[in-house]
Protein backbone atom coordinates (compact mmCIF):
# COMPACT_ATOMS: atom_id res chain seq x y z
CA MET A 1 -4.78 49.06 18.87
CA GLN A 2 -3.35 46.82 21.26
CA ASN A 3 -0.55 44.68 20.69
CA LEU A 4 -0.50 40.99 20.74
CA ASN A 5 2.84 40.42 22.36
CA LEU A 6 2.96 36.99 20.48
CA ARG A 7 6.41 35.24 19.11
CA MET A 8 6.16 33.85 15.72
CA ALA A 9 8.70 31.67 13.55
CA LEU A 10 8.34 31.01 9.75
CA LEU A 11 9.05 27.27 9.27
CA ASP A 12 10.92 26.29 6.43
CA GLY A 13 8.94 25.01 3.04
CA ARG A 14 6.03 25.17 1.04
CA TYR A 15 2.73 23.65 2.41
CA GLY A 16 -0.33 22.20 0.48
CA ILE A 17 -3.83 21.62 2.32
CA CYS A 18 -5.19 18.09 1.09
CA ARG A 19 -8.67 16.51 0.94
CA VAL A 20 -7.95 12.64 0.86
CA GLU A 21 -10.59 10.85 -0.86
CA GLY A 22 -11.57 7.84 0.26
CA ALA A 23 -10.26 7.90 3.89
CA VAL A 24 -13.36 9.14 5.88
CA GLY A 25 -14.73 8.03 9.56
CA THR A 26 -12.72 6.49 12.39
CA GLY A 27 -10.75 3.65 10.95
CA ALA A 28 -9.04 6.50 8.22
CA ASP A 29 -4.86 5.60 7.86
CA ILE A 30 -2.63 8.88 7.64
CA PRO A 31 -0.97 8.10 3.73
CA ASP A 32 2.49 6.59 3.87
CA TRP A 33 3.61 10.02 1.88
CA VAL A 34 2.66 12.56 4.60
CA ASP A 35 5.95 13.38 6.50
CA GLY A 36 8.06 16.12 7.26
CA PRO A 37 8.97 18.68 9.94
CA PHE A 38 5.43 19.80 10.31
CA TRP A 39 2.11 17.64 9.10
CA SER A 40 -1.46 17.44 10.67
CA ALA A 41 -4.20 15.05 9.49
CA THR A 42 -8.01 15.37 10.77
CA CYS A 43 -10.39 13.06 10.01
CA THR A 44 -14.09 13.83 10.00
CA GLN A 45 -17.00 11.82 8.80
CA GLU A 46 -16.54 13.66 5.84
CA GLU A 47 -13.44 13.53 4.99
CA LEU A 48 -9.54 13.27 5.68
CA SER A 49 -7.63 16.59 5.66
CA VAL A 50 -3.77 16.86 5.26
CA VAL A 51 -1.50 19.67 5.69
CA CYS A 52 1.97 18.69 4.62
CA LEU A 53 5.19 19.71 2.85
CA GLN A 54 3.52 20.11 -0.86
CA GLU A 55 6.73 18.20 -2.37
CA LEU A 56 5.55 15.36 -0.81
CA ILE A 57 1.64 15.37 -2.37
CA PRO A 58 0.98 12.90 -5.13
CA ASP A 59 -0.23 14.42 -8.27
CA HIS A 60 -3.72 12.37 -7.79
CA VAL A 61 -4.26 13.93 -4.35
CA LEU A 62 -6.43 17.03 -4.40
CA HIS A 63 -5.06 20.11 -2.76
CA GLU A 64 -4.06 23.69 -2.76
CA GLY A 65 -0.57 24.34 -2.38
CA ASP A 66 2.04 27.22 -1.63
CA TRP A 67 1.25 27.88 1.71
CA ARG A 68 3.69 28.89 4.48
CA VAL A 69 3.30 28.25 8.16
CA LEU A 70 3.76 30.18 10.69
CA LYS A 71 4.21 29.19 14.01
CA VAL A 72 2.67 30.86 17.68
CA LEU A 73 6.13 29.89 19.92
CA GLY A 74 4.43 28.25 22.25
CA PRO A 75 4.06 26.98 24.86
CA LEU A 76 0.48 28.21 25.06
CA SER A 77 -1.21 28.20 28.15
CA PHE A 78 -5.55 26.50 27.63
CA SER A 79 -6.51 29.29 29.78
CA LEU A 80 -5.16 31.81 27.50
CA THR A 81 -8.10 33.36 25.26
CA GLY A 82 -8.61 34.84 22.44
CA ILE A 83 -5.07 34.35 20.40
CA LEU A 84 -5.85 32.89 17.27
CA ALA A 85 -9.21 35.57 17.03
CA ALA A 86 -6.40 38.29 17.70
CA ILE A 87 -4.07 37.01 14.95
CA SER A 88 -6.97 36.37 12.45
CA GLY A 89 -8.39 39.70 13.10
CA VAL A 90 -5.31 41.45 12.04
CA LEU A 91 -4.67 39.50 9.02
CA ALA A 92 -8.19 40.04 8.07
CA GLU A 93 -7.71 43.32 8.29
CA ALA A 94 -4.94 43.16 6.04
CA GLY A 95 -6.95 41.07 3.74
CA VAL A 96 -4.64 38.17 3.97
CA SER A 97 -6.61 34.79 4.09
CA ILE A 98 -5.51 31.85 6.73
CA PHE A 99 -5.85 28.40 7.32
CA SER A 100 -4.70 27.09 11.14
CA VAL A 101 -3.78 24.33 12.44
CA SER A 102 -4.26 24.05 16.80
CA THR A 103 -2.08 21.56 18.53
CA TYR A 104 -1.84 20.79 22.48
CA ASN A 105 1.22 23.19 22.46
CA THR A 106 0.85 25.98 20.56
CA ASP A 107 -0.98 27.33 17.22
CA TYR A 108 0.06 27.34 13.26
CA ILE A 109 -1.24 30.07 10.70
CA LEU A 110 -0.88 29.27 7.01
CA VAL A 111 -0.68 31.91 4.46
CA LYS A 112 -0.50 31.84 0.66
CA HIS A 113 3.12 32.28 -0.27
CA ASP A 114 2.19 35.48 -2.27
CA ARG A 115 0.99 36.89 1.00
CA LEU A 116 3.30 35.83 3.44
CA GLU A 117 5.50 39.33 3.38
CA ASP A 118 2.00 40.98 4.00
CA ALA A 119 1.23 39.23 6.63
CA ILE A 120 4.59 39.43 8.28
CA GLU A 121 4.29 43.16 8.10
CA ALA A 122 0.61 43.57 9.22
CA LEU A 123 1.21 41.10 12.56
CA ALA A 124 4.76 43.06 13.32
CA GLY A 125 3.30 46.27 13.52
CA ARG A 126 0.76 44.82 16.06
CA GLY A 127 3.67 44.01 17.98
CA VAL A 128 4.49 40.23 16.95
CA GLU A 129 8.47 39.62 17.22
CA PHE A 130 9.65 37.22 13.86
CA THR A 131 12.21 34.41 14.63
CA ARG A 132 13.49 32.87 11.58
């Protein structure tokens, strides 16, 4: 098995992945409760999905909580191929489900809190160096 030769960091906090009802299409506004050191919003014709600190999510918002965020330390060049596939493959072999978010600079891998140590162990076993 090939080493991944990546560096990753664990972000502080627990995160939620939300589906914001009634906010779809090109004119959707990001809710004012979305904030924090890391958040992401994706709008399609079908939904507005938001990832943010779970402590900020109102009770009435449909969400799945207790996610932790692993950041691939970048920036990563657009010419690189297979980074996300390699990470997700290692985690799939370990039985760890993921939710991924990509930005211009890098990738973020969300794993459930109760599988965090399994994820870190599997990735470290494949050459990923972690900074905390």
